[in-house]
Amino acid sequence: FTTLRELMRQFHSLAGAGSTFSYPA
């Protein structure tokens, strides 16, 4: 579950960065 939370955090950060730079895909 610790590793799963880390995986989720990395995907979350990518989603936020995609939004910041207007990369909707």
PDBML (XML) file of the C-alpha atoms, coordinates in Angstrom:
<?xml version="1.0" encoding="UTF-8" ?>
<PDBx:datablock datablockName="MODEL"
   xmlns:PDBx="http://pdbml.pdb.org/schema/pdbx-v50.xsd"
   xmlns:xsi="http://www.w3.org/2001/XMLSchema-instance"
   xsi:schemaLocation="http://pdbml.pdb.org/schema/pdbx-v50.xsd pdbx-v50.xsd">
   <PDBx:atom_siteCategory>
      <PDBx:atom_site id="1">
         <PDBx:B_iso_or_equiv>0.00</PDBx:B_iso_or_equiv>
         <PDBx:Cartn_x>0.000</PDBx:Cartn_x>
         <PDBx:Cartn_y>0.000</PDBx:Cartn_y>
         <PDBx:Cartn_z>0.000</PDBx:Cartn_z>
         <PDBx:auth_asym_id>A</PDBx:auth_asym_id>
         <PDBx:auth_atom_id>CA</PDBx:auth_atom_id>
         <PDBx:auth_comp_id>PHE</PDBx:auth_comp_id>
         <PDBx:auth_seq_id>1</PDBx:auth_seq_id>
         <PDBx:group_PDB>ATOM</PDBx:group_PDB>
         <PDBx:label_alt_id xsi:nil="true" />
         <PDBx:label_asym_id>A</PDBx:label_asym_id>
         <PDBx:label_atom_id>CA</PDBx:label_atom_id>
         <PDBx:label_comp_id>PHE</PDBx:label_comp_id>
         <PDBx:label_entity_id>1</PDBx:label_entity_id>
         <PDBx:label_seq_id>1</PDBx:label_seq_id>
         <PDBx:occupancy>1.00</PDBx:occupancy>
         <PDBx:pdbx_PDB_model_num>1</PDBx:pdbx_PDB_model_num>
         <PDBx:type_symbol>C</PDBx:type_symbol>
      </PDBx:atom_site>
      <PDBx:atom_site id="2">
         <PDBx:B_iso_or_equiv>0.00</PDBx:B_iso_or_equiv>
         <PDBx:Cartn_x>2.944</PDBx:Cartn_x>
         <PDBx:Cartn_y>2.335</PDBx:Cartn_y>
         <PDBx:Cartn_z>0.546</PDBx:Cartn_z>
         <PDBx:auth_asym_id>A</PDBx:auth_asym_id>
         <PDBx:auth_atom_id>CA</PDBx:auth_atom_id>
         <PDBx:auth_comp_id>THR</PDBx:auth_comp_id>
         <PDBx:auth_seq_id>2</PDBx:auth_seq_id>
         <PDBx:group_PDB>ATOM</PDBx:group_PDB>
         <PDBx:label_alt_id xsi:nil="true" />
         <PDBx:label_asym_id>A</PDBx:label_asym_id>
         <PDBx:label_atom_id>CA</PDBx:label_atom_id>
         <PDBx:label_comp_id>THR</PDBx:label_comp_id>
         <PDBx:label_entity_id>1</PDBx:label_entity_id>
         <PDBx:label_seq_id>2</PDBx:label_seq_id>
         <PDBx:occupancy>1.00</PDBx:occupancy>
         <PDBx:pdbx_PDB_model_num>1</PDBx:pdbx_PDB_model_num>
         <PDBx:type_symbol>C</PDBx:type_symbol>
      </PDBx:atom_site>
      <PDBx:atom_site id="3">
         <PDBx:B_iso_or_equiv>0.00</PDBx:B_iso_or_equiv>
         <PDBx:Cartn_x>4.130</PDBx:Cartn_x>
         <PDBx:Cartn_y>1.596</PDBx:Cartn_y>
         <PDBx:Cartn_z>-2.980</PDBx:Cartn_z>
         <PDBx:auth_asym_id>A</PDBx:auth_asym_id>
         <PDBx:auth_atom_id>CA</PDBx:auth_atom_id>
         <PDBx:auth_comp_id>THR</PDBx:auth_comp_id>
         <PDBx:auth_seq_id>3</PDBx:auth_seq_id>
         <PDBx:group_PDB>ATOM</PDBx:group_PDB>
         <PDBx:label_alt_id xsi:nil="true" />
         <PDBx:label_asym_id>A</PDBx:label_asym_id>
         <PDBx:label_atom_id>CA</PDBx:label_atom_id>
         <PDBx:label_comp_id>THR</PDBx:label_comp_id>
         <PDBx:label_entity_id>1</PDBx:label_entity_id>
         <PDBx:label_seq_id>3</PDBx:label_seq_id>
         <PDBx:occupancy>1.00</PDBx:occupancy>
         <PDBx:pdbx_PDB_model_num>1</PDBx:pdbx_PDB_model_num>
         <PDBx:type_symbol>C</PDBx:type_symbol>
      </PDBx:atom_site>
      <PDBx:atom_site id="4">
         <PDBx:B_iso_or_equiv>0.00</PDBx:B_iso_or_equiv>
         <PDBx:Cartn_x>0.608</PDBx:Cartn_x>
         <PDBx:Cartn_y>1.999</PDBx:Cartn_y>
         <PDBx:Cartn_z>-4.355</PDBx:Cartn_z>
         <PDBx:auth_asym_id>A</PDBx:auth_asym_id>
         <PDBx:auth_atom_id>CA</PDBx:auth_atom_id>
         <PDBx:auth_comp_id>LEU</PDBx:auth_comp_id>
         <PDBx:auth_seq_id>4</PDBx:auth_seq_id>
         <PDBx:group_PDB>ATOM</PDBx:group_PDB>
         <PDBx:label_alt_id xsi:nil="true" />
         <PDBx:label_asym_id>A</PDBx:label_asym_id>
         <PDBx:label_atom_id>CA</PDBx:label_atom_id>
         <PDBx:label_comp_id>LEU</PDBx:label_comp_id>
         <PDBx:label_entity_id>1</PDBx:label_entity_id>
         <PDBx:label_seq_id>4</PDBx:label_seq_id>
         <PDBx:occupancy>1.00</PDBx:occupancy>
         <PDBx:pdbx_PDB_model_num>1</PDBx:pdbx_PDB_model_num>
         <PDBx:type_symbol>C</PDBx:type_symbol>
      </PDBx:atom_site>
      <PDBx:atom_site id="5">
         <PDBx:B_iso_or_equiv>0.00</PDBx:B_iso_or_equiv>
         <PDBx:Cartn_x>0.349</PDBx:Cartn_x>
         <PDBx:Cartn_y>5.419</PDBx:Cartn_y>
         <PDBx:Cartn_z>-2.673</PDBx:Cartn_z>
         <PDBx:auth_asym_id>A</PDBx:auth_asym_id>
         <PDBx:auth_atom_id>CA</PDBx:auth_atom_id>
         <PDBx:auth_comp_id>ARG</PDBx:auth_comp_id>
         <PDBx:auth_seq_id>5</PDBx:auth_seq_id>
         <PDBx:group_PDB>ATOM</PDBx:group_PDB>
         <PDBx:label_alt_id xsi:nil="true" />
         <PDBx:label_asym_id>A</PDBx:label_asym_id>
         <PDBx:label_atom_id>CA</PDBx:label_atom_id>
         <PDBx:label_comp_id>ARG</PDBx:label_comp_id>
         <PDBx:label_entity_id>1</PDBx:label_entity_id>
         <PDBx:label_seq_id>5</PDBx:label_seq_id>
         <PDBx:occupancy>1.00</PDBx:occupancy>
         <PDBx:pdbx_PDB_model_num>1</PDBx:pdbx_PDB_model_num>
         <PDBx:type_symbol>C</PDBx:type_symbol>
      </PDBx:atom_site>
      <PDBx:atom_site id="6">
         <PDBx:B_iso_or_equiv>0.00</PDBx:B_iso_or_equiv>
         <PDBx:Cartn_x>3.676</PDBx:Cartn_x>
         <PDBx:Cartn_y>6.415</PDBx:Cartn_y>
         <PDBx:Cartn_z>-4.236</PDBx:Cartn_z>
         <PDBx:auth_asym_id>A</PDBx:auth_asym_id>
         <PDBx:auth_atom_id>CA</PDBx:auth_atom_id>
         <PDBx:auth_comp_id>GLU</PDBx:auth_comp_id>
         <PDBx:auth_seq_id>6</PDBx:auth_seq_id>
         <PDBx:group_PDB>ATOM</PDBx:group_PDB>
         <PDBx:label_alt_id xsi:nil="true" />
         <PDBx:label_asym_id>A</PDBx:label_asym_id>
         <PDBx:label_atom_id>CA</PDBx:label_atom_id>
         <PDBx:label_comp_id>GLU</PDBx:label_comp_id>
         <PDBx:label_entity_id>1</PDBx:label_entity_id>
         <PDBx:label_seq_id>6</PDBx:label_seq_id>
         <PDBx:occupancy>1.00</PDBx:occupancy>
         <PDBx:pdbx_PDB_model_num>1</PDBx:pdbx_PDB_model_num>
         <PDBx:type_symbol>C</PDBx:type_symbol>
      </PDBx:atom_site>
      <PDBx:atom_site id="7">
         <PDBx:B_iso_or_equiv>0.00</PDBx:B_iso_or_equiv>
         <PDBx:Cartn_x>2.427</PDBx:Cartn_x>
         <PDBx:Cartn_y>5.295</PDBx:Cartn_y>
         <PDBx:Cartn_z>-7.643</PDBx:Cartn_z>
         <PDBx:auth_asym_id>A</PDBx:auth_asym_id>
         <PDBx:auth_atom_id>CA</PDBx:auth_atom_id>
         <PDBx:auth_comp_id>LEU</PDBx:auth_comp_id>
         <PDBx:auth_seq_id>7</PDBx:auth_seq_id>
         <PDBx:group_PDB>ATOM</PDBx:group_PDB>
         <PDBx:label_alt_id xsi:nil="true" />
         <PDBx:label_asym_id>A</PDBx:label_asym_id>
         <PDBx:label_atom_id>CA</PDBx:label_atom_id>
         <PDBx:label_comp_id>LEU</PDBx:label_comp_id>
         <PDBx:label_entity_id>1</PDBx:label_entity_id>
         <PDBx:label_seq_id>7</PDBx:label_seq_id>
         <PDBx:occupancy>1.00</PDBx:occupancy>
         <PDBx:pdbx_PDB_model_num>1</PDBx:pdbx_PDB_model_num>
         <PDBx:type_symbol>C</PDBx:type_symbol>
      </PDBx:atom_site>
      <PDBx:atom_site id="8">
         <PDBx:B_iso_or_equiv>0.00</PDBx:B_iso_or_equiv>
         <PDBx:Cartn_x>-0.735</PDBx:Cartn_x>
         <PDBx:Cartn_y>7.344</PDBx:Cartn_y>
         <PDBx:Cartn_z>-7.157</PDBx:Cartn_z>
         <PDBx:auth_asym_id>A</PDBx:auth_asym_id>
         <PDBx:auth_atom_id>CA</PDBx:auth_atom_id>
         <PDBx:auth_comp_id>MET</PDBx:auth_comp_id>
         <PDBx:auth_seq_id>8</PDBx:auth_seq_id>
         <PDBx:group_PDB>ATOM</PDBx:group_PDB>
         <PDBx:label_alt_id xsi:nil="true" />
         <PDBx:label_asym_id>A</PDBx:label_asym_id>
         <PDBx:label_atom_id>CA</PDBx:label_atom_id>
         <PDBx:label_comp_id>MET</PDBx:label_comp_id>
         <PDBx:label_entity_id>1</PDBx:label_entity_id>
         <PDBx:label_seq_id>8</PDBx:label_seq_id>
         <PDBx:occupancy>1.00</PDBx:occupancy>
         <PDBx:pdbx_PDB_model_num>1</PDBx:pdbx_PDB_model_num>
         <PDBx:type_symbol>C</PDBx:type_symbol>
      </PDBx:atom_site>
      <PDBx:atom_site id="9">
         <PDBx:B_iso_or_equiv>0.00</PDBx:B_iso_or_equiv>
         <PDBx:Cartn_x>1.319</PDBx:Cartn_x>
         <PDBx:Cartn_y>10.384</PDBx:Cartn_y>
         <PDBx:Cartn_z>-6.128</PDBx:Cartn_z>
         <PDBx:auth_asym_id>A</PDBx:auth_asym_id>
         <PDBx:auth_atom_id>CA</PDBx:auth_atom_id>
         <PDBx:auth_comp_id>ARG</PDBx:auth_comp_id>
         <PDBx:auth_seq_id>9</PDBx:auth_seq_id>
         <PDBx:group_PDB>ATOM</PDBx:group_PDB>
         <PDBx:label_alt_id xsi:nil="true" />
         <PDBx:label_asym_id>A</PDBx:label_asym_id>
         <PDBx:label_atom_id>CA</PDBx:label_atom_id>
         <PDBx:label_comp_id>ARG</PDBx:label_comp_id>
         <PDBx:label_entity_id>1</PDBx:label_entity_id>
         <PDBx:label_seq_id>9</PDBx:label_seq_id>
         <PDBx:occupancy>1.00</PDBx:occupancy>
         <PDBx:pdbx_PDB_model_num>1</PDBx:pdbx_PDB_model_num>
         <PDBx:type_symbol>C</PDBx:type_symbol>
      </PDBx:atom_site>
      <PDBx:atom_site id="10">
         <PDBx:B_iso_or_equiv>0.00</PDBx:B_iso_or_equiv>
         <PDBx:Cartn_x>3.449</PDBx:Cartn_x>
         <PDBx:Cartn_y>10.177</PDBx:Cartn_y>
         <PDBx:Cartn_z>-9.277</PDBx:Cartn_z>
         <PDBx:auth_asym_id>A</PDBx:auth_asym_id>
         <PDBx:auth_atom_id>CA</PDBx:auth_atom_id>
         <PDBx:auth_comp_id>GLN</PDBx:auth_comp_id>
         <PDBx:auth_seq_id>10</PDBx:auth_seq_id>
         <PDBx:group_PDB>ATOM</PDBx:group_PDB>
         <PDBx:label_alt_id xsi:nil="true" />
         <PDBx:label_asym_id>A</PDBx:label_asym_id>
         <PDBx:label_atom_id>CA</PDBx:label_atom_id>
         <PDBx:label_comp_id>GLN</PDBx:label_comp_id>
         <PDBx:label_entity_id>1</PDBx:label_entity_id>
         <PDBx:label_seq_id>10</PDBx:label_seq_id>
         <PDBx:occupancy>1.00</PDBx:occupancy>
         <PDBx:pdbx_PDB_model_num>1</PDBx:pdbx_PDB_model_num>
         <PDBx:type_symbol>C</PDBx:type_symbol>
      </PDBx:atom_site>
      <PDBx:atom_site id="11">
         <PDBx:B_iso_or_equiv>0.00</PDBx:B_iso_or_equiv>
         <PDBx:Cartn_x>0.384</PDBx:Cartn_x>
         <PDBx:Cartn_y>9.951</PDBx:Cartn_y>
         <PDBx:Cartn_z>-11.515</PDBx:Cartn_z>
         <PDBx:auth_asym_id>A</PDBx:auth_asym_id>
         <PDBx:auth_atom_id>CA</PDBx:auth_atom_id>
         <PDBx:auth_comp_id>PHE</PDBx:auth_comp_id>
         <PDBx:auth_seq_id>11</PDBx:auth_seq_id>
         <PDBx:group_PDB>ATOM</PDBx:group_PDB>
         <PDBx:label_alt_id xsi:nil="true" />
         <PDBx:label_asym_id>A</PDBx:label_asym_id>
         <PDBx:label_atom_id>CA</PDBx:label_atom_id>
         <PDBx:label_comp_id>PHE</PDBx:label_comp_id>
         <PDBx:label_entity_id>1</PDBx:label_entity_id>
         <PDBx:label_seq_id>11</PDBx:label_seq_id>
         <PDBx:occupancy>1.00</PDBx:occupancy>
         <PDBx:pdbx_PDB_model_num>1</PDBx:pdbx_PDB_model_num>
         <PDBx:type_symbol>C</PDBx:type_symbol>
      </PDBx:atom_site>
      <PDBx:atom_site id="12">
         <PDBx:B_iso_or_equiv>0.00</PDBx:B_iso_or_equiv>
         <PDBx:Cartn_x>-1.185</PDBx:Cartn_x>
         <PDBx:Cartn_y>12.842</PDBx:Cartn_y>
         <PDBx:Cartn_z>-9.579</PDBx:Cartn_z>
         <PDBx:auth_asym_id>A</PDBx:auth_asym_id>
         <PDBx:auth_atom_id>CA</PDBx:auth_atom_id>
         <PDBx:auth_comp_id>HIS</PDBx:auth_comp_id>
         <PDBx:auth_seq_id>12</PDBx:auth_seq_id>
         <PDBx:group_PDB>ATOM</PDBx:group_PDB>
         <PDBx:label_alt_id xsi:nil="true" />
         <PDBx:label_asym_id>A</PDBx:label_asym_id>
         <PDBx:label_atom_id>CA</PDBx:label_atom_id>
         <PDBx:label_comp_id>HIS</PDBx:label_comp_id>
         <PDBx:label_entity_id>1</PDBx:label_entity_id>
         <PDBx:label_seq_id>12</PDBx:label_seq_id>
         <PDBx:occupancy>1.00</PDBx:occupancy>
         <PDBx:pdbx_PDB_model_num>1</PDBx:pdbx_PDB_model_num>
         <PDBx:type_symbol>C</PDBx:type_symbol>
      </PDBx:atom_site>
      <PDBx:atom_site id="13">
         <PDBx:B_iso_or_equiv>0.00</PDBx:B_iso_or_equiv>
         <PDBx:Cartn_x>1.881</PDBx:Cartn_x>
         <PDBx:Cartn_y>15.015</PDBx:Cartn_y>
         <PDBx:Cartn_z>-10.152</PDBx:Cartn_z>
         <PDBx:auth_asym_id>A</PDBx:auth_asym_id>
         <PDBx:auth_atom_id>CA</PDBx:auth_atom_id>
         <PDBx:auth_comp_id>SER</PDBx:auth_comp_id>
         <PDBx:auth_seq_id>13</PDBx:auth_seq_id>
         <PDBx:group_PDB>ATOM</PDBx:group_PDB>
         <PDBx:label_alt_id xsi:nil="true" />
         <PDBx:label_asym_id>A</PDBx:label_asym_id>
         <PDBx:label_atom_id>CA</PDBx:label_atom_id>
         <PDBx:label_comp_id>SER</PDBx:label_comp_id>
         <PDBx:label_entity_id>1</PDBx:label_entity_id>
         <PDBx:label_seq_id>13</PDBx:label_seq_id>
         <PDBx:occupancy>1.00</PDBx:occupancy>
         <PDBx:pdbx_PDB_model_num>1</PDBx:pdbx_PDB_model_num>
         <PDBx:type_symbol>C</PDBx:type_symbol>
      </PDBx:atom_site>
      <PDBx:atom_site id="14">
         <PDBx:B_iso_or_equiv>0.00</PDBx:B_iso_or_equiv>
         <PDBx:Cartn_x>1.877</PDBx:Cartn_x>
         <PDBx:Cartn_y>14.250</PDBx:Cartn_y>
         <PDBx:Cartn_z>-13.871</PDBx:Cartn_z>
         <PDBx:auth_asym_id>A</PDBx:auth_asym_id>
         <PDBx:auth_atom_id>CA</PDBx:auth_atom_id>
         <PDBx:auth_comp_id>LEU</PDBx:auth_comp_id>
         <PDBx:auth_seq_id>14</PDBx:auth_seq_id>
         <PDBx:group_PDB>ATOM</PDBx:group_PDB>
         <PDBx:label_alt_id xsi:nil="true" />
         <PDBx:label_asym_id>A</PDBx:label_asym_id>
         <PDBx:label_atom_id>CA</PDBx:label_atom_id>
         <PDBx:label_comp_id>LEU</PDBx:label_comp_id>
         <PDBx:label_entity_id>1</PDBx:label_entity_id>
         <PDBx:label_seq_id>14</PDBx:label_seq_id>
         <PDBx:occupancy>1.00</PDBx:occupancy>
         <PDBx:pdbx_PDB_model_num>1</PDBx:pdbx_PDB_model_num>
         <PDBx:type_symbol>C</PDBx:type_symbol>
      </PDBx:atom_site>
      <PDBx:atom_site id="15">
         <PDBx:B_iso_or_equiv>0.00</PDBx:B_iso_or_equiv>
         <PDBx:Cartn_x>-1.821</PDBx:Cartn_x>
         <PDBx:Cartn_y>15.110</PDBx:Cartn_y>
         <PDBx:Cartn_z>-14.096</PDBx:Cartn_z>
         <PDBx:auth_asym_id>A</PDBx:auth_asym_id>
         <PDBx:auth_atom_id>CA</PDBx:auth_atom_id>
         <PDBx:auth_comp_id>ALA</PDBx:auth_comp_id>
         <PDBx:auth_seq_id>15</PDBx:auth_seq_id>
         <PDBx:group_PDB>ATOM</PDBx:group_PDB>
         <PDBx:label_alt_id xsi:nil="true" />
         <PDBx:label_asym_id>A</PDBx:label_asym_id>
         <PDBx:label_atom_id>CA</PDBx:label_atom_id>
         <PDBx:label_comp_id>ALA</PDBx:label_comp_id>
         <PDBx:label_entity_id>1</PDBx:label_entity_id>
         <PDBx:label_seq_id>15</PDBx:label_seq_id>
         <PDBx:occupancy>1.00</PDBx:occupancy>
         <PDBx:pdbx_PDB_model_num>1</PDBx:pdbx_PDB_model_num>
         <PDBx:type_symbol>C</PDBx:type_symbol>
      </PDBx:atom_site>
      <PDBx:atom_site id="16">
         <PDBx:B_iso_or_equiv>0.00</PDBx:B_iso_or_equiv>
         <PDBx:Cartn_x>-1.200</PDBx:Cartn_x>
         <PDBx:Cartn_y>18.443</PDBx:Cartn_y>
         <PDBx:Cartn_z>-12.390</PDBx:Cartn_z>
         <PDBx:auth_asym_id>A</PDBx:auth_asym_id>
         <PDBx:auth_atom_id>CA</PDBx:auth_atom_id>
         <PDBx:auth_comp_id>GLY</PDBx:auth_comp_id>
         <PDBx:auth_seq_id>16</PDBx:auth_seq_id>
         <PDBx:group_PDB>ATOM</PDBx:group_PDB>
         <PDBx:label_alt_id xsi:nil="true" />
         <PDBx:label_asym_id>A</PDBx:label_asym_id>
         <PDBx:label_atom_id>CA</PDBx:label_atom_id>
         <PDBx:label_comp_id>GLY</PDBx:label_comp_id>
         <PDBx:label_entity_id>1</PDBx:label_entity_id>
         <PDBx:label_seq_id>16</PDBx:label_seq_id>
         <PDBx:occupancy>1.00</PDBx:occupancy>
         <PDBx:pdbx_PDB_model_num>1</PDBx:pdbx_PDB_model_num>
         <PDBx:type_symbol>C</PDBx:type_symbol>
      </PDBx:atom_site>
      <PDBx:atom_site id="17">
         <PDBx:B_iso_or_equiv>0.00</PDBx:B_iso_or_equiv>
         <PDBx:Cartn_x>1.769</PDBx:Cartn_x>
         <PDBx:Cartn_y>19.269</PDBx:Cartn_y>
         <PDBx:Cartn_z>-14.589</PDBx:Cartn_z>
         <PDBx:auth_asym_id>A</PDBx:auth_asym_id>
         <PDBx:auth_atom_id>CA</PDBx:auth_atom_id>
         <PDBx:auth_comp_id>ALA</PDBx:auth_comp_id>
         <PDBx:auth_seq_id>17</PDBx:auth_seq_id>
         <PDBx:group_PDB>ATOM</PDBx:group_PDB>
         <PDBx:label_alt_id xsi:nil="true" />
         <PDBx:label_asym_id>A</PDBx:label_asym_id>
         <PDBx:label_atom_id>CA</PDBx:label_atom_id>
         <PDBx:label_comp_id>ALA</PDBx:label_comp_id>
         <PDBx:label_entity_id>1</PDBx:label_entity_id>
         <PDBx:label_seq_id>17</PDBx:label_seq_id>
         <PDBx:occupancy>1.00</PDBx:occupancy>
         <PDBx:pdbx_PDB_model_num>1</PDBx:pdbx_PDB_model_num>
         <PDBx:type_symbol>C</PDBx:type_symbol>
      </PDBx:atom_site>
      <PDBx:atom_site id="18">
         <PDBx:B_iso_or_equiv>0.00</PDBx:B_iso_or_equiv>
         <PDBx:Cartn_x>-0.246</PDBx:Cartn_x>
         <PDBx:Cartn_y>18.375</PDBx:Cartn_y>
         <PDBx:Cartn_z>-17.680</PDBx:Cartn_z>
         <PDBx:auth_asym_id>A</PDBx:auth_asym_id>
         <PDBx:auth_atom_id>CA</PDBx:auth_atom_id>
         <PDBx:auth_comp_id>GLY</PDBx:auth_comp_id>
         <PDBx:auth_seq_id>18</PDBx:auth_seq_id>
         <PDBx:group_PDB>ATOM</PDBx:group_PDB>
         <PDBx:label_alt_id xsi:nil="true" />
         <PDBx:label_asym_id>A</PDBx:label_asym_id>
         <PDBx:label_atom_id>CA</PDBx:label_atom_id>
         <PDBx:label_comp_id>GLY</PDBx:label_comp_id>
         <PDBx:label_entity_id>1</PDBx:label_entity_id>
         <PDBx:label_seq_id>18</PDBx:label_seq_id>
         <PDBx:occupancy>1.00</PDBx:occupancy>
         <PDBx:pdbx_PDB_model_num>1</PDBx:pdbx_PDB_model_num>
         <PDBx:type_symbol>C</PDBx:type_symbol>
      </PDBx:atom_site>
      <PDBx:atom_site id="19">
         <PDBx:B_iso_or_equiv>0.00</PDBx:B_iso_or_equiv>
         <PDBx:Cartn_x>-2.930</PDBx:Cartn_x>
         <PDBx:Cartn_y>20.808</PDBx:Cartn_y>
         <PDBx:Cartn_z>-16.573</PDBx:Cartn_z>
         <PDBx:auth_asym_id>A</PDBx:auth_asym_id>
         <PDBx:auth_atom_id>CA</PDBx:auth_atom_id>
         <PDBx:auth_comp_id>SER</PDBx:auth_comp_id>
         <PDBx:auth_seq_id>19</PDBx:auth_seq_id>
         <PDBx:group_PDB>ATOM</PDBx:group_PDB>
         <PDBx:label_alt_id xsi:nil="true" />
         <PDBx:label_asym_id>A</PDBx:label_asym_id>
         <PDBx:label_atom_id>CA</PDBx:label_atom_id>
         <PDBx:label_comp_id>SER</PDBx:label_comp_id>
         <PDBx:label_entity_id>1</PDBx:label_entity_id>
         <PDBx:label_seq_id>19</PDBx:label_seq_id>
         <PDBx:occupancy>1.00</PDBx:occupancy>
         <PDBx:pdbx_PDB_model_num>1</PDBx:pdbx_PDB_model_num>
         <PDBx:type_symbol>C</PDBx:type_symbol>
      </PDBx:atom_site>
      <PDBx:atom_site id="20">
         <PDBx:B_iso_or_equiv>0.00</PDBx:B_iso_or_equiv>
         <PDBx:Cartn_x>-0.410</PDBx:Cartn_x>
         <PDBx:Cartn_y>23.528</PDBx:Cartn_y>
         <PDBx:Cartn_z>-15.797</PDBx:Cartn_z>
         <PDBx:auth_asym_id>A</PDBx:auth_asym_id>
         <PDBx:auth_atom_id>CA</PDBx:auth_atom_id>
         <PDBx:auth_comp_id>THR</PDBx:auth_comp_id>
         <PDBx:auth_seq_id>20</PDBx:auth_seq_id>
         <PDBx:group_PDB>ATOM</PDBx:group_PDB>
         <PDBx:label_alt_id xsi:nil="true" />
         <PDBx:label_asym_id>A</PDBx:label_asym_id>
         <PDBx:label_atom_id>CA</PDBx:label_atom_id>
         <PDBx:label_comp_id>THR</PDBx:label_comp_id>
         <PDBx:label_entity_id>1</PDBx:label_entity_id>
         <PDBx:label_seq_id>20</PDBx:label_seq_id>
         <PDBx:occupancy>1.00</PDBx:occupancy>
         <PDBx:pdbx_PDB_model_num>1</PDBx:pdbx_PDB_model_num>
         <PDBx:type_symbol>C</PDBx:type_symbol>
      </PDBx:atom_site>
      <PDBx:atom_site id="21">
         <PDBx:B_iso_or_equiv>0.00</PDBx:B_iso_or_equiv>
         <PDBx:Cartn_x>1.121</PDBx:Cartn_x>
         <PDBx:Cartn_y>23.337</PDBx:Cartn_y>
         <PDBx:Cartn_z>-19.266</PDBx:Cartn_z>
         <PDBx:auth_asym_id>A</PDBx:auth_asym_id>
         <PDBx:auth_atom_id>CA</PDBx:auth_atom_id>
         <PDBx:auth_comp_id>PHE</PDBx:auth_comp_id>
         <PDBx:auth_seq_id>21</PDBx:auth_seq_id>
         <PDBx:group_PDB>ATOM</PDBx:group_PDB>
         <PDBx:label_alt_id xsi:nil="true" />
         <PDBx:label_asym_id>A</PDBx:label_asym_id>
         <PDBx:label_atom_id>CA</PDBx:label_atom_id>
         <PDBx:label_comp_id>PHE</PDBx:label_comp_id>
         <PDBx:label_entity_id>1</PDBx:label_entity_id>
         <PDBx:label_seq_id>21</PDBx:label_seq_id>
         <PDBx:occupancy>1.00</PDBx:occupancy>
         <PDBx:pdbx_PDB_model_num>1</PDBx:pdbx_PDB_model_num>
         <PDBx:type_symbol>C</PDBx:type_symbol>
      </PDBx:atom_site>
      <PDBx:atom_site id="22">
         <PDBx:B_iso_or_equiv>0.00</PDBx:B_iso_or_equiv>
         <PDBx:Cartn_x>-2.155</PDBx:Cartn_x>
         <PDBx:Cartn_y>22.735</PDBx:Cartn_y>
         <PDBx:Cartn_z>-21.129</PDBx:Cartn_z>
         <PDBx:auth_asym_id>A</PDBx:auth_asym_id>
         <PDBx:auth_atom_id>CA</PDBx:auth_atom_id>
         <PDBx:auth_comp_id>SER</PDBx:auth_comp_id>
         <PDBx:auth_seq_id>22</PDBx:auth_seq_id>
         <PDBx:group_PDB>ATOM</PDBx:group_PDB>
         <PDBx:label_alt_id xsi:nil="true" />
         <PDBx:label_asym_id>A</PDBx:label_asym_id>
         <PDBx:label_atom_id>CA</PDBx:label_atom_id>
         <PDBx:label_comp_id>SER</PDBx:label_comp_id>
         <PDBx:label_entity_id>1</PDBx:label_entity_id>
         <PDBx:label_seq_id>22</PDBx:label_seq_id>
         <PDBx:occupancy>1.00</PDBx:occupancy>
         <PDBx:pdbx_PDB_model_num>1</PDBx:pdbx_PDB_model_num>
         <PDBx:type_symbol>C</PDBx:type_symbol>
      </PDBx:atom_site>
      <PDBx:atom_site id="23">
         <PDBx:B_iso_or_equiv>0.00</PDBx:B_iso_or_equiv>
         <PDBx:Cartn_x>-1.478</PDBx:Cartn_x>
         <PDBx:Cartn_y>19.151</PDBx:Cartn_y>
         <PDBx:Cartn_z>-22.173</PDBx:Cartn_z>
         <PDBx:auth_asym_id>A</PDBx:auth_asym_id>
         <PDBx:auth_atom_id>CA</PDBx:auth_atom_id>
         <PDBx:auth_comp_id>TYR</PDBx:auth_comp_id>
         <PDBx:auth_seq_id>23</PDBx:auth_seq_id>
         <PDBx:group_PDB>ATOM</PDBx:group_PDB>
         <PDBx:label_alt_id xsi:nil="true" />
         <PDBx:label_asym_id>A</PDBx:label_asym_id>
         <PDBx:label_atom_id>CA</PDBx:label_atom_id>
         <PDBx:label_comp_id>TYR</PDBx:label_comp_id>
         <PDBx:label_entity_id>1</PDBx:label_entity_id>
         <PDBx:label_seq_id>23</PDBx:label_seq_id>
         <PDBx:occupancy>1.00</PDBx:occupancy>
         <PDBx:pdbx_PDB_model_num>1</PDBx:pdbx_PDB_model_num>
         <PDBx:type_symbol>C</PDBx:type_symbol>
      </PDBx:atom_site>
      <PDBx:atom_site id="24">
         <PDBx:B_iso_or_equiv>0.00</PDBx:B_iso_or_equiv>
         <PDBx:Cartn_x>-4.985</PDBx:Cartn_x>
         <PDBx:Cartn_y>17.687</PDBx:Cartn_y>
         <PDBx:Cartn_z>-21.762</PDBx:Cartn_z>
         <PDBx:auth_asym_id>A</PDBx:auth_asym_id>
         <PDBx:auth_atom_id>CA</PDBx:auth_atom_id>
         <PDBx:auth_comp_id>PRO</PDBx:auth_comp_id>
         <PDBx:auth_seq_id>24</PDBx:auth_seq_id>
         <PDBx:group_PDB>ATOM</PDBx:group_PDB>
         <PDBx:label_alt_id xsi:nil="true" />
         <PDBx:label_asym_id>A</PDBx:label_asym_id>
         <PDBx:label_atom_id>CA</PDBx:label_atom_id>
         <PDBx:label_comp_id>PRO</PDBx:label_comp_id>
         <PDBx:label_entity_id>1</PDBx:label_entity_id>
         <PDBx:label_seq_id>24</PDBx:label_seq_id>
         <PDBx:occupancy>1.00</PDBx:occupancy>
         <PDBx:pdbx_PDB_model_num>1</PDBx:pdbx_PDB_model_num>
         <PDBx:type_symbol>C</PDBx:type_symbol>
      </PDBx:atom_site>
      <PDBx:atom_site id="25">
         <PDBx:B_iso_or_equiv>0.00</PDBx:B_iso_or_equiv>
         <PDBx:Cartn_x>-4.084</PDBx:Cartn_x>
         <PDBx:Cartn_y>14.193</PDBx:Cartn_y>
         <PDBx:Cartn_z>-22.990</PDBx:Cartn_z>
         <PDBx:auth_asym_id>A</PDBx:auth_asym_id>
         <PDBx:auth_atom_id>CA</PDBx:auth_atom_id>
         <PDBx:auth_comp_id>ALA</PDBx:auth_comp_id>
         <PDBx:auth_seq_id>25</PDBx:auth_seq_id>
         <PDBx:group_PDB>ATOM</PDBx:group_PDB>
         <PDBx:label_alt_id xsi:nil="true" />
         <PDBx:label_asym_id>A</PDBx:label_asym_id>
         <PDBx:label_atom_id>CA</PDBx:label_atom_id>
         <PDBx:label_comp_id>ALA</PDBx:label_comp_id>
         <PDBx:label_entity_id>1</PDBx:label_entity_id>
         <PDBx:label_seq_id>25</PDBx:label_seq_id>
         <PDBx:occupancy>1.00</PDBx:occupancy>
         <PDBx:pdbx_PDB_model_num>1</PDBx:pdbx_PDB_model_num>
         <PDBx:type_symbol>C</PDBx:type_symbol>
      </PDBx:atom_site>
   </PDBx:atom_siteCategory>
</PDBx:datablock>
